[in-house]
Amino acid sequence: MRQGLHSELDDNRNKDCDENKQNAVAIISGAAQGIGRRTAEVLAERGYSLALNDLRSPAETRRPAEERGAKVMEFVSDVSDEKVVTRFAGIFAEEMGSRRRVPCPLFL
């Protein structure tokens, strides 16, 4: 029963996101491979702008996302370091626009 409720809520969230995706931005850590790379591909197809982060360059993720029309920035760093995250947030705000409104939360 709970699974059905969660599924219904997720459907509504996804509908809202898809309708308002013009301003949607996703920050994806671990974007160089695996689940992070696939998440970037899916969100690029849905029209999201992407901020990609990993310990190694997510260039192999960036290219296909840009081919799908996504605005993409990448940042190679270790997000376990708070100073690095602060720097990343500043660069993100500068690149993507500090007042950019994200219309809905992203639930993965």
PDB file of N, CA and C in Angstrom:
ATOM      1  N   MET A   1       0.822  -1.190   0.000  1.00  0.00           N
ATOM      2  CA  MET A   1       0.000   0.000   0.000  1.00  0.00           C
ATOM      3  C   MET A   1       0.867   1.256   0.000  1.00  0.00           C
ATOM      4  N   ARG A   2       1.881   1.325   0.898  1.00  0.00           N
ATOM      5  CA  ARG A   2       2.743   2.498   0.953  1.00  0.00           C
ATOM      6  C   ARG A   2       3.492   2.689  -0.363  1.00  0.00           C
ATOM      7  N   GLN A   3       3.875   1.586  -0.970  1.00  0.00           N
ATOM      8  CA  GLN A   3       4.591   1.694  -2.232  1.00  0.00           C
ATOM      9  C   GLN A   3       3.723   2.396  -3.273  1.00  0.00           C
ATOM     10  N   GLY A   4       2.437   2.075  -3.311  1.00  0.00           N
ATOM     11  CA  GLY A   4       1.536   2.731  -4.244  1.00  0.00           C
ATOM     12  C   GLY A   4       1.428   4.219  -3.983  1.00  0.00           C
ATOM     13  N   LEU A   5       1.353   4.603  -2.717  1.00  0.00           N
ATOM     14  CA  LEU A   5       1.280   6.013  -2.358  1.00  0.00           C
ATOM     15  C   LEU A   5       2.546   6.732  -2.788  1.00  0.00           C
ATOM     16  N   HIS A   6       3.707   6.138  -2.486  1.00  0.00           N
ATOM     17  CA  HIS A   6       4.962   6.764  -2.885  1.00  0.00           C
ATOM     18  C   HIS A   6       5.062   6.880  -4.396  1.00  0.00           C
ATOM     19  N   SER A   7       4.634   5.859  -5.082  1.00  0.00           N
ATOM     20  CA  SER A   7       4.662   5.883  -6.532  1.00  0.00           C
ATOM     21  C   SER A   7       3.789   7.010  -7.079  1.00  0.00           C
ATOM     22  N   GLU A   8       2.596   7.169  -6.508  1.00  0.00           N
ATOM     23  CA  GLU A   8       1.689   8.237  -6.940  1.00  0.00           C
ATOM     24  C   GLU A   8       2.304   9.611  -6.678  1.00  0.00           C
ATOM     25  N   LEU A   9       2.925   9.788  -5.507  1.00  0.00           N
ATOM     26  CA  LEU A   9       3.568  11.060  -5.188  1.00  0.00           C
ATOM     27  C   LEU A   9       4.715  11.333  -6.150  1.00  0.00           C
ATOM     28  N   ASP A  10       5.520  10.315  -6.431  1.00  0.00           N
ATOM     29  CA  ASP A  10       6.628  10.488  -7.361  1.00  0.00           C
ATOM     30  C   ASP A  10       6.121  10.850  -8.746  1.00  0.00           C
ATOM     31  N   ASP A  11       5.025  10.246  -9.193  1.00  0.00           N
ATOM     32  CA  ASP A  11       4.446  10.581 -10.493  1.00  0.00           C
ATOM     33  C   ASP A  11       4.061  12.048 -10.542  1.00  0.00           C
ATOM     34  N   ASN A  12       3.449  12.553  -9.474  1.00  0.00           N
ATOM     35  CA  ASN A  12       3.057  13.957  -9.432  1.00  0.00           C
ATOM     36  C   ASN A  12       4.276  14.871  -9.422  1.00  0.00           C
ATOM     37  N   ARG A  13       5.284  14.522  -8.662  1.00  0.00           N
ATOM     38  CA  ARG A  13       6.501  15.335  -8.634  1.00  0.00           C
ATOM     39  C   ARG A  13       7.146  15.366 -10.008  1.00  0.00           C
ATOM     40  N   ASN A  14       7.252  14.198 -10.634  1.00  0.00           N
ATOM     41  CA  ASN A  14       7.863  14.138 -11.957  1.00  0.00           C
ATOM     42  C   ASN A  14       7.069  14.958 -12.961  1.00  0.00           C
ATOM     43  N   LYS A  15       5.736  14.936 -12.878  1.00  0.00           N
ATOM     44  CA  LYS A  15       4.900  15.728 -13.775  1.00  0.00           C
ATOM     45  C   LYS A  15       5.198  17.209 -13.580  1.00  0.00           C
ATOM     46  N   ASP A  16       5.262  17.647 -12.313  1.00  0.00           N
ATOM     47  CA  ASP A  16       5.570  19.044 -12.031  1.00  0.00           C
ATOM     48  C   ASP A  16       6.942  19.417 -12.558  1.00  0.00           C
ATOM     49  N   CYS A  17       7.911  18.556 -12.368  1.00  0.00           N
ATOM     50  CA  CYS A  17       9.265  18.833 -12.838  1.00  0.00           C
ATOM     51  C   CYS A  17       9.292  18.930 -14.352  1.00  0.00           C
ATOM     52  N   ASP A  18       8.654  18.003 -15.025  1.00  0.00           N
ATOM     53  CA  ASP A  18       8.669  18.010 -16.479  1.00  0.00           C
ATOM     54  C   ASP A  18       7.992  19.255 -17.044  1.00  0.00           C
ATOM     55  N   GLU A  19       6.944  19.741 -16.381  1.00  0.00           N
ATOM     56  CA  GLU A  19       6.246  20.927 -16.865  1.00  0.00           C
ATOM     57  C   GLU A  19       7.042  22.201 -16.628  1.00  0.00           C
ATOM     58  N   ASN A  20       7.918  22.227 -15.626  1.00  0.00           N
ATOM     59  CA  ASN A  20       8.661  23.423 -15.251  1.00  0.00           C
ATOM     60  C   ASN A  20      10.164  23.274 -15.439  1.00  0.00           C
ATOM     61  N   LYS A  21      10.609  22.388 -16.269  1.00  0.00           N
ATOM     62  CA  LYS A  21      12.016  22.042 -16.343  1.00  0.00           C
ATOM     63  C   LYS A  21      12.910  23.132 -16.937  1.00  0.00           C
ATOM     64  N   GLN A  22      12.327  24.202 -17.468  1.00  0.00           N
ATOM     65  CA  GLN A  22      13.139  25.271 -18.028  1.00  0.00           C
ATOM     66  C   GLN A  22      14.192  25.760 -17.050  1.00  0.00           C
ATOM     67  N   ASN A  23      13.843  25.863 -15.788  1.00  0.00           N
ATOM     68  CA  ASN A  23      14.748  26.385 -14.777  1.00  0.00           C
ATOM     69  C   ASN A  23      15.377  25.298 -13.926  1.00  0.00           C
ATOM     70  N   ALA A  24      15.168  24.057 -14.258  1.00  0.00           N
ATOM     71  CA  ALA A  24      15.624  22.966 -13.408  1.00  0.00           C
ATOM     72  C   ALA A  24      17.120  22.718 -13.562  1.00  0.00           C
ATOM     73  N   VAL A  25      17.778  22.584 -12.431  1.00  0.00           N
ATOM     74  CA  VAL A  25      19.203  22.301 -12.379  1.00  0.00           C
ATOM     75  C   VAL A  25      19.413  21.112 -11.460  1.00  0.00           C
ATOM     76  N   ALA A  26      20.265  20.193 -11.861  1.00  0.00           N
ATOM     77  CA  ALA A  26      20.603  19.056 -11.008  1.00  0.00           C
ATOM     78  C   ALA A  26      22.098  19.077 -10.740  1.00  0.00           C
ATOM     79  N   ILE A  27      22.464  18.925  -9.483  1.00  0.00           N
ATOM     80  CA  ILE A  27      23.862  18.760  -9.103  1.00  0.00           C
ATOM     81  C   ILE A  27      24.062  17.269  -8.863  1.00  0.00           C
ATOM     82  N   ILE A  28      24.974  16.677  -9.606  1.00  0.00           N
ATOM     83  CA  ILE A  28      25.173  15.227  -9.536  1.00  0.00           C
ATOM     84  C   ILE A  28      26.603  14.938  -9.100  1.00  0.00           C
ATOM     85  N   SER A  29      26.736  14.370  -7.919  1.00  0.00           N
ATOM     86  CA  SER A  29      28.035  13.941  -7.420  1.00  0.00           C
ATOM     87  C   SER A  29      28.237  12.485  -7.839  1.00  0.00           C
ATOM     88  N   GLY A  30      29.465  12.145  -8.173  1.00  0.00           N
ATOM     89  CA  GLY A  30      29.727  10.789  -8.663  1.00  0.00           C
ATOM     90  C   GLY A  30      29.321  10.647 -10.117  1.00  0.00           C
ATOM     91  N   ALA A  31      29.424  11.734 -10.876  1.00  0.00           N
ATOM     92  CA  ALA A  31      28.898  11.786 -12.236  1.00  0.00           C
ATOM     93  C   ALA A  31      29.782  11.146 -13.303  1.00  0.00           C
ATOM     94  N   ALA A  32      30.996  10.742 -12.948  1.00  0.00           N
ATOM     95  CA  ALA A  32      31.911  10.215 -13.960  1.00  0.00           C
ATOM     96  C   ALA A  32      31.572   8.806 -14.420  1.00  0.00           C
ATOM     97  N   GLN A  33      30.767   8.097 -13.648  1.00  0.00           N
ATOM     98  CA  GLN A  33      30.485   6.706 -14.026  1.00  0.00           C
ATOM     99  C   GLN A  33      29.224   6.204 -13.343  1.00  0.00           C
ATOM    100  N   GLY A  34      28.791   5.051 -13.735  1.00  0.00           N
ATOM    101  CA  GLY A  34      27.725   4.327 -13.063  1.00  0.00           C
ATOM    102  C   GLY A  34      26.410   5.076 -12.948  1.00  0.00           C
ATOM    103  N   ILE A  35      25.841   5.045 -11.745  1.00  0.00           N
ATOM    104  CA  ILE A  35      24.535   5.658 -11.505  1.00  0.00           C
ATOM    105  C   ILE A  35      24.576   7.156 -11.760  1.00  0.00           C
ATOM    106  N   GLY A  36      25.659   7.822 -11.370  1.00  0.00           N
ATOM    107  CA  GLY A  36      25.777   9.257 -11.603  1.00  0.00           C
ATOM    108  C   GLY A  36      25.745   9.598 -13.078  1.00  0.00           C
ATOM    109  N   ARG A  37      26.471   8.826 -13.883  1.00  0.00           N
ATOM    110  CA  ARG A  37      26.479   9.074 -15.330  1.00  0.00           C
ATOM    111  C   ARG A  37      25.088   8.859 -15.929  1.00  0.00           C
ATOM    112  N   ARG A  38      24.448   7.778 -15.546  1.00  0.00           N
ATOM    113  CA  ARG A  38      23.117   7.476 -16.094  1.00  0.00           C
ATOM    114  C   ARG A  38      22.094   8.530 -15.653  1.00  0.00           C
ATOM    115  N   THR A  39      22.201   8.986 -14.420  1.00  0.00           N
ATOM    116  CA  THR A  39      21.314  10.042 -13.926  1.00  0.00           C
ATOM    117  C   THR A  39      21.476  11.299 -14.779  1.00  0.00           C
ATOM    118  N   ALA A  40      22.717  11.658 -15.084  1.00  0.00           N
ATOM    119  CA  ALA A  40      22.978  12.828 -15.927  1.00  0.00           C
ATOM    120  C   ALA A  40      22.359  12.657 -17.309  1.00  0.00           C
ATOM    121  N   GLU A  41      22.465  11.480 -17.887  1.00  0.00           N
ATOM    122  CA  GLU A  41      21.890  11.226 -19.214  1.00  0.00           C
ATOM    123  C   GLU A  41      20.377  11.423 -19.200  1.00  0.00           C
ATOM    124  N   VAL A  42      19.726  10.840 -18.202  1.00  0.00           N
ATOM    125  CA  VAL A  42      18.267  10.924 -18.114  1.00  0.00           C
ATOM    126  C   VAL A  42      17.825  12.370 -17.911  1.00  0.00           C
ATOM    127  N   LEU A  43      18.484  13.077 -16.998  1.00  0.00           N
ATOM    128  CA  LEU A  43      18.077  14.456 -16.721  1.00  0.00           C
ATOM    129  C   LEU A  43      18.382  15.381 -17.892  1.00  0.00           C
ATOM    130  N   ALA A  44      19.457  15.123 -18.615  1.00  0.00           N
ATOM    131  CA  ALA A  44      19.745  15.903 -19.816  1.00  0.00           C
ATOM    132  C   ALA A  44      18.628  15.716 -20.847  1.00  0.00           C
ATOM    133  N   GLU A  45      18.163  14.479 -20.994  1.00  0.00           N
ATOM    134  CA  GLU A  45      17.054  14.204 -21.910  1.00  0.00           C
ATOM    135  C   GLU A  45      15.783  14.939 -21.488  1.00  0.00           C
ATOM    136  N   ARG A  46      15.620  15.159 -20.181  1.00  0.00           N
ATOM    137  CA  ARG A  46      14.432  15.846 -19.654  1.00  0.00           C
ATOM    138  C   ARG A  46      14.575  17.364 -19.650  1.00  0.00           C
ATOM    139  N   GLY A  47      15.734  17.864 -20.104  1.00  0.00           N
ATOM    140  CA  GLY A  47      15.909  19.303 -20.231  1.00  0.00           C
ATOM    141  C   GLY A  47      16.572  20.004 -19.060  1.00  0.00           C
ATOM    142  N   TYR A  48      17.116  19.266 -18.127  1.00  0.00           N
ATOM    143  CA  TYR A  48      17.784  19.877 -16.979  1.00  0.00           C
ATOM    144  C   TYR A  48      19.147  20.434 -17.370  1.00  0.00           C
ATOM    145  N   SER A  49      19.568  21.511 -16.712  1.00  0.00           N
ATOM    146  CA  SER A  49      20.962  21.937 -16.718  1.00  0.00           C
ATOM    147  C   SER A  49      21.659  21.111 -15.657  1.00  0.00           C
ATOM    148  N   LEU A  50      22.942  20.814 -15.884  1.00  0.00           N
ATOM    149  CA  LEU A  50      23.629  19.885 -14.993  1.00  0.00           C
ATOM    150  C   LEU A  50      24.929  20.464 -14.447  1.00  0.00           C
ATOM    151  N   ALA A  51      25.167  20.225 -13.176  1.00  0.00           N
ATOM    152  CA  ALA A  51      26.453  20.492 -12.539  1.00  0.00           C
ATOM    153  C   ALA A  51      27.005  19.135 -12.135  1.00  0.00           C
ATOM    154  N   LEU A  52      28.063  18.709 -12.812  1.00  0.00           N
ATOM    155  CA  LEU A  52      28.620  17.374 -12.615  1.00  0.00           C
ATOM    156  C   LEU A  52      29.855  17.432 -11.731  1.00  0.00           C
ATOM    157  N   ASN A  53      29.934  16.538 -10.770  1.00  0.00           N
ATOM    158  CA  ASN A  53      31.061  16.478  -9.854  1.00  0.00           C
ATOM    159  C   ASN A  53      31.517  15.035  -9.698  1.00  0.00           C
ATOM    160  N   ASP A  54      32.830  14.876  -9.581  1.00  0.00           N
ATOM    161  CA  ASP A  54      33.404  13.571  -9.264  1.00  0.00           C
ATOM    162  C   ASP A  54      34.856  13.764  -8.865  1.00  0.00           C
ATOM    163  N   LEU A  55      35.472  12.695  -8.374  1.00  0.00           N
ATOM    164  CA  LEU A  55      36.895  12.731  -8.032  1.00  0.00           C
ATOM    165  C   LEU A  55      37.771  12.762  -9.280  1.00  0.00           C
ATOM    166  N   ARG A  56      37.219  12.274 -10.384  1.00  0.00           N
ATOM    167  CA  ARG A  56      37.924  12.346 -11.674  1.00  0.00           C
ATOM    168  C   ARG A  56      37.018  13.064 -12.668  1.00  0.00           C
ATOM    169  N   SER A  57      37.572  13.512 -13.754  1.00  0.00           N
ATOM    170  CA  SER A  57      36.813  14.312 -14.707  1.00  0.00           C
ATOM    171  C   SER A  57      35.586  13.566 -15.236  1.00  0.00           C
ATOM    172  N   PRO A  58      34.415  14.221 -15.155  1.00  0.00           N
ATOM    173  CA  PRO A  58      33.211  13.622 -15.732  1.00  0.00           C
ATOM    174  C   PRO A  58      33.024  14.006 -17.212  1.00  0.00           C
ATOM    175  N   ALA A  59      34.129  14.203 -17.928  1.00  0.00           N
ATOM    176  CA  ALA A  59      34.060  14.619 -19.333  1.00  0.00           C
ATOM    177  C   ALA A  59      33.288  13.622 -20.197  1.00  0.00           C
ATOM    178  N   GLU A  60      33.437  12.337 -19.922  1.00  0.00           N
ATOM    179  CA  GLU A  60      32.716  11.321 -20.695  1.00  0.00           C
ATOM    180  C   GLU A  60      31.215  11.376 -20.430  1.00  0.00           C
ATOM    181  N   THR A  61      30.820  11.960 -19.341  1.00  0.00           N
ATOM    182  CA  THR A  61      29.406  12.172 -19.039  1.00  0.00           C
ATOM    183  C   THR A  61      28.942  13.489 -19.652  1.00  0.00           C
ATOM    184  N   ARG A  62      29.806  14.478 -19.629  1.00  0.00           N
ATOM    185  CA  ARG A  62      29.465  15.817 -20.117  1.00  0.00           C
ATOM    186  C   ARG A  62      29.102  15.819 -21.607  1.00  0.00           C
ATOM    187  N   ARG A  63      29.922  15.188 -22.420  1.00  0.00           N
ATOM    188  CA  ARG A  63      29.709  15.224 -23.870  1.00  0.00           C
ATOM    189  C   ARG A  63      28.319  14.751 -24.290  1.00  0.00           C
ATOM    190  N   PRO A  64      27.881  13.569 -23.875  1.00  0.00           N
ATOM    191  CA  PRO A  64      26.537  13.131 -24.281  1.00  0.00           C
ATOM    192  C   PRO A  64      25.424  14.032 -23.734  1.00  0.00           C
ATOM    193  N   ALA A  65      25.623  14.584 -22.533  1.00  0.00           N
ATOM    194  CA  ALA A  65      24.606  15.481 -21.965  1.00  0.00           C
ATOM    195  C   ALA A  65      24.491  16.744 -22.814  1.00  0.00           C
ATOM    196  N   GLU A  66      25.628  17.292 -23.219  1.00  0.00           N
ATOM    197  CA  GLU A  66      25.604  18.485 -24.068  1.00  0.00           C
ATOM    198  C   GLU A  66      25.007  18.170 -25.441  1.00  0.00           C
ATOM    199  N   GLU A  67      25.281  16.977 -25.949  1.00  0.00           N
ATOM    200  CA  GLU A  67      24.680  16.573 -27.225  1.00  0.00           C
ATOM    201  C   GLU A  67      23.163  16.505 -27.130  1.00  0.00           C
ATOM    202  N   ARG A  68      22.656  16.259 -25.921  1.00  0.00           N
ATOM    203  CA  ARG A  68      21.206  16.230 -25.689  1.00  0.00           C
ATOM    204  C   ARG A  68      20.659  17.635 -25.430  1.00  0.00           C
ATOM    205  N   GLY A  69      21.531  18.643 -25.482  1.00  0.00           N
ATOM    206  CA  GLY A  69      21.092  20.025 -25.334  1.00  0.00           C
ATOM    207  C   GLY A  69      21.202  20.601 -23.938  1.00  0.00           C
ATOM    208  N   ALA A  70      21.776  19.872 -23.010  1.00  0.00           N
ATOM    209  CA  ALA A  70      21.881  20.363 -21.633  1.00  0.00           C
ATOM    210  C   ALA A  70      23.025  21.350 -21.484  1.00  0.00           C
ATOM    211  N   LYS A  71      22.801  22.370 -20.662  1.00  0.00           N
ATOM    212  CA  LYS A  71      23.885  23.239 -20.228  1.00  0.00           C
ATOM    213  C   LYS A  71      24.592  22.475 -19.118  1.00  0.00           C
ATOM    214  N   VAL A  72      25.920  22.343 -19.231  1.00  0.00           N
ATOM    215  CA  VAL A  72      26.652  21.491 -18.296  1.00  0.00           C
ATOM    216  C   VAL A  72      27.903  22.192 -17.792  1.00  0.00           C
ATOM    217  N   MET A  73      28.145  22.077 -16.499  1.00  0.00           N
ATOM    218  CA  MET A  73      29.434  22.461 -15.926  1.00  0.00           C
ATOM    219  C   MET A  73      29.975  21.254 -15.182  1.00  0.00           C
ATOM    220  N   GLU A  74      31.289  21.158 -15.092  1.00  0.00           N
ATOM    221  CA  GLU A  74      31.873  20.051 -14.344  1.00  0.00           C
ATOM    222  C   GLU A  74      32.868  20.585 -13.330  1.00  0.00           C
ATOM    223  N   PHE A  75      33.007  19.856 -12.256  1.00  0.00           N
ATOM    224  CA  PHE A  75      33.882  20.257 -11.165  1.00  0.00           C
ATOM    225  C   PHE A  75      34.506  18.994 -10.598  1.00  0.00           C
ATOM    226  N   VAL A  76      35.818  18.884 -10.705  1.00  0.00           N
ATOM    227  CA  VAL A  76      36.527  17.715 -10.196  1.00  0.00           C
ATOM    228  C   VAL A  76      36.958  18.021  -8.764  1.00  0.00           C
ATOM    229  N   SER A  77      36.393  17.280  -7.823  1.00  0.00           N
ATOM    230  CA  SER A  77      36.705  17.542  -6.422  1.00  0.00           C
ATOM    231  C   SER A  77      36.218  16.409  -5.532  1.00  0.00           C
ATOM    232  N   ASP A  78      36.628  16.497  -4.277  1.00  0.00           N
ATOM    233  CA  ASP A  78      36.199  15.566  -3.245  1.00  0.00           C
ATOM    234  C   ASP A  78      35.176  16.285  -2.372  1.00  0.00           C
ATOM    235  N   VAL A  79      33.908  15.926  -2.504  1.00  0.00           N
ATOM    236  CA  VAL A  79      32.848  16.624  -1.775  1.00  0.00           C
ATOM    237  C   VAL A  79      32.809  16.283  -0.284  1.00  0.00           C
ATOM    238  N   SER A  80      33.738  15.460   0.186  1.00  0.00           N
ATOM    239  CA  SER A  80      33.815  15.228   1.627  1.00  0.00           C
ATOM    240  C   SER A  80      34.547  16.380   2.322  1.00  0.00           C
ATOM    241  N   ASP A  81      35.142  17.285   1.541  1.00  0.00           N
ATOM    242  CA  ASP A  81      35.855  18.446   2.077  1.00  0.00           C
ATOM    243  C   ASP A  81      34.919  19.662   2.022  1.00  0.00           C
ATOM    244  N   GLU A  82      34.549  20.184   3.183  1.00  0.00           N
ATOM    245  CA  GLU A  82      33.581  21.288   3.260  1.00  0.00           C
ATOM    246  C   GLU A  82      34.051  22.526   2.496  1.00  0.00           C
ATOM    247  N   LYS A  83      35.341  22.828   2.520  1.00  0.00           N
ATOM    248  CA  LYS A  83      35.861  23.996   1.790  1.00  0.00           C
ATOM    249  C   LYS A  83      35.665  23.821   0.286  1.00  0.00           C
ATOM    250  N   VAL A  84      35.841  22.618  -0.179  1.00  0.00           N
ATOM    251  CA  VAL A  84      35.657  22.320  -1.599  1.00  0.00           C
ATOM    252  C   VAL A  84      34.188  22.504  -1.988  1.00  0.00           C
ATOM    253  N   VAL A  85      33.290  22.050  -1.133  1.00  0.00           N
ATOM    254  CA  VAL A  85      31.857  22.182  -1.414  1.00  0.00           C
ATOM    255  C   VAL A  85      31.468  23.663  -1.465  1.00  0.00           C
ATOM    256  N   THR A  86      32.008  24.459  -0.558  1.00  0.00           N
ATOM    257  CA  THR A  86      31.738  25.901  -0.558  1.00  0.00           C
ATOM    258  C   THR A  86      32.227  26.536  -1.859  1.00  0.00           C
ATOM    259  N   ARG A  87      33.421  26.159  -2.279  1.00  0.00           N
ATOM    260  CA  ARG A  87      33.968  26.678  -3.544  1.00  0.00           C
ATOM    261  C   ARG A  87      33.105  26.240  -4.731  1.00  0.00           C
ATOM    262  N   PHE A  88      32.717  24.975  -4.729  1.00  0.00           N
ATOM    263  CA  PHE A  88      31.859  24.448  -5.786  1.00  0.00           C
ATOM    264  C   PHE A  88      30.541  25.220  -5.841  1.00  0.00           C
ATOM    265  N   ALA A  89      29.953  25.500  -4.682  1.00  0.00           N
ATOM    266  CA  ALA A  89      28.689  26.242  -4.634  1.00  0.00           C
ATOM    267  C   ALA A  89      28.857  27.634  -5.227  1.00  0.00           C
ATOM    268  N   GLY A  90      29.978  28.288  -4.952  1.00  0.00           N
ATOM    269  CA  GLY A  90      30.233  29.608  -5.525  1.00  0.00           C
ATOM    270  C   GLY A  90      30.384  29.570  -7.027  1.00  0.00           C
ATOM    271  N   ILE A  91      31.139  28.602  -7.501  1.00  0.00           N
ATOM    272  CA  ILE A  91      31.318  28.452  -8.953  1.00  0.00           C
ATOM    273  C   ILE A  91      29.987  28.106  -9.613  1.00  0.00           C
ATOM    274  N   PHE A  92      29.234  27.214  -8.969  1.00  0.00           N
ATOM    275  CA  PHE A  92      27.919  26.829  -9.480  1.00  0.00           C
ATOM    276  C   PHE A  92      27.020  28.056  -9.614  1.00  0.00           C
ATOM    277  N   ALA A  93      26.955  28.883  -8.570  1.00  0.00           N
ATOM    278  CA  ALA A  93      26.106  30.076  -8.590  1.00  0.00           C
ATOM    279  C   ALA A  93      26.529  31.026  -9.703  1.00  0.00           C
ATOM    280  N   GLU A  94      27.840  31.161  -9.897  1.00  0.00           N
ATOM    281  CA  GLU A  94      28.351  32.042 -10.946  1.00  0.00           C
ATOM    282  C   GLU A  94      28.010  31.513 -12.337  1.00  0.00           C
ATOM    283  N   GLU A  95      28.201  30.214 -12.540  1.00  0.00           N
ATOM    284  CA  GLU A  95      27.971  29.596 -13.853  1.00  0.00           C
ATOM    285  C   GLU A  95      26.487  29.451 -14.200  1.00  0.00           C
ATOM    286  N   MET A  96      25.700  29.003 -13.234  1.00  0.00           N
ATOM    287  CA  MET A  96      24.302  28.676 -13.492  1.00  0.00           C
ATOM    288  C   MET A  96      23.337  29.803 -13.106  1.00  0.00           C
ATOM    289  N   GLY A  97      23.844  30.800 -12.413  1.00  0.00           N
ATOM    290  CA  GLY A  97      22.991  31.903 -11.991  1.00  0.00           C
ATOM    291  C   GLY A  97      22.587  31.747 -10.542  1.00  0.00           C
ATOM    292  N   SER A  98      23.012  32.682  -9.702  1.00  0.00           N
ATOM    293  CA  SER A  98      22.782  32.550  -8.265  1.00  0.00           C
ATOM    294  C   SER A  98      21.319  32.647  -7.882  1.00  0.00           C
ATOM    295  N   ARG A  99      20.475  33.213  -8.739  1.00  0.00           N
ATOM    296  CA  ARG A  99      19.060  33.334  -8.403  1.00  0.00           C
ATOM    297  C   ARG A  99      18.202  32.355  -9.197  1.00  0.00           C
ATOM    298  N   ARG A 100      18.827  31.393  -9.804  1.00  0.00           N
ATOM    299  CA  ARG A 100      18.095  30.416 -10.592  1.00  0.00           C
ATOM    300  C   ARG A 100      17.150  29.630  -9.691  1.00  0.00           C
ATOM    301  N   ARG A 101      15.903  29.579 -10.055  1.00  0.00           N
ATOM    302  CA  ARG A 101      14.894  28.892  -9.243  1.00  0.00           C
ATOM    303  C   ARG A 101      14.758  27.457  -9.714  1.00  0.00           C
ATOM    304  N   VAL A 102      14.926  26.555  -8.801  1.00  0.00           N
ATOM    305  CA  VAL A 102      14.703  25.144  -9.117  1.00  0.00           C
ATOM    306  C   VAL A 102      13.250  24.862  -8.754  1.00  0.00           C
ATOM    307  N   PRO A 103      12.419  24.498  -9.723  1.00  0.00           N
ATOM    308  CA  PRO A 103      10.971  24.413  -9.497  1.00  0.00           C
ATOM    309  C   PRO A 103      10.510  23.236  -8.648  1.00  0.00           C
ATOM    310  N   CYS A 104      11.345  22.240  -8.480  1.00  0.00           N
ATOM    311  CA  CYS A 104      10.896  21.085  -7.717  1.00  0.00           C
ATOM    312  C   CYS A 104      12.094  20.318  -7.209  1.00  0.00           C
ATOM    313  N   PRO A 105      11.928  19.607  -6.133  1.00  0.00           N
ATOM    314  CA  PRO A 105      13.032  18.779  -5.651  1.00  0.00           C
ATOM    315  C   PRO A 105      13.240  17.582  -6.568  1.00  0.00           C
ATOM    316  N   LEU A 106      14.410  17.049  -6.538  1.00  0.00           N
ATOM    317  CA  LEU A 106      14.741  15.886  -7.353  1.00  0.00           C
ATOM    318  C   LEU A 106      14.780  14.661  -6.443  1.00  0.00           C
ATOM    319  N   PHE A 107      13.931  13.706  -6.710  1.00  0.00           N
ATOM    320  CA  PHE A 107      13.878  12.480  -5.919  1.00  0.00           C
ATOM    321  C   PHE A 107      14.355  11.328  -6.776  1.00  0.00           C
ATOM    322  N   LEU A 108      15.490  10.727  -6.375  1.00  0.00           N
ATOM    323  CA  LEU A 108      16.038   9.592  -7.119  1.00  0.00           C
ATOM    324  C   LEU A 108      16.029   8.366  -6.252  1.00  0.00           C
TER     325      LEU A 108
END
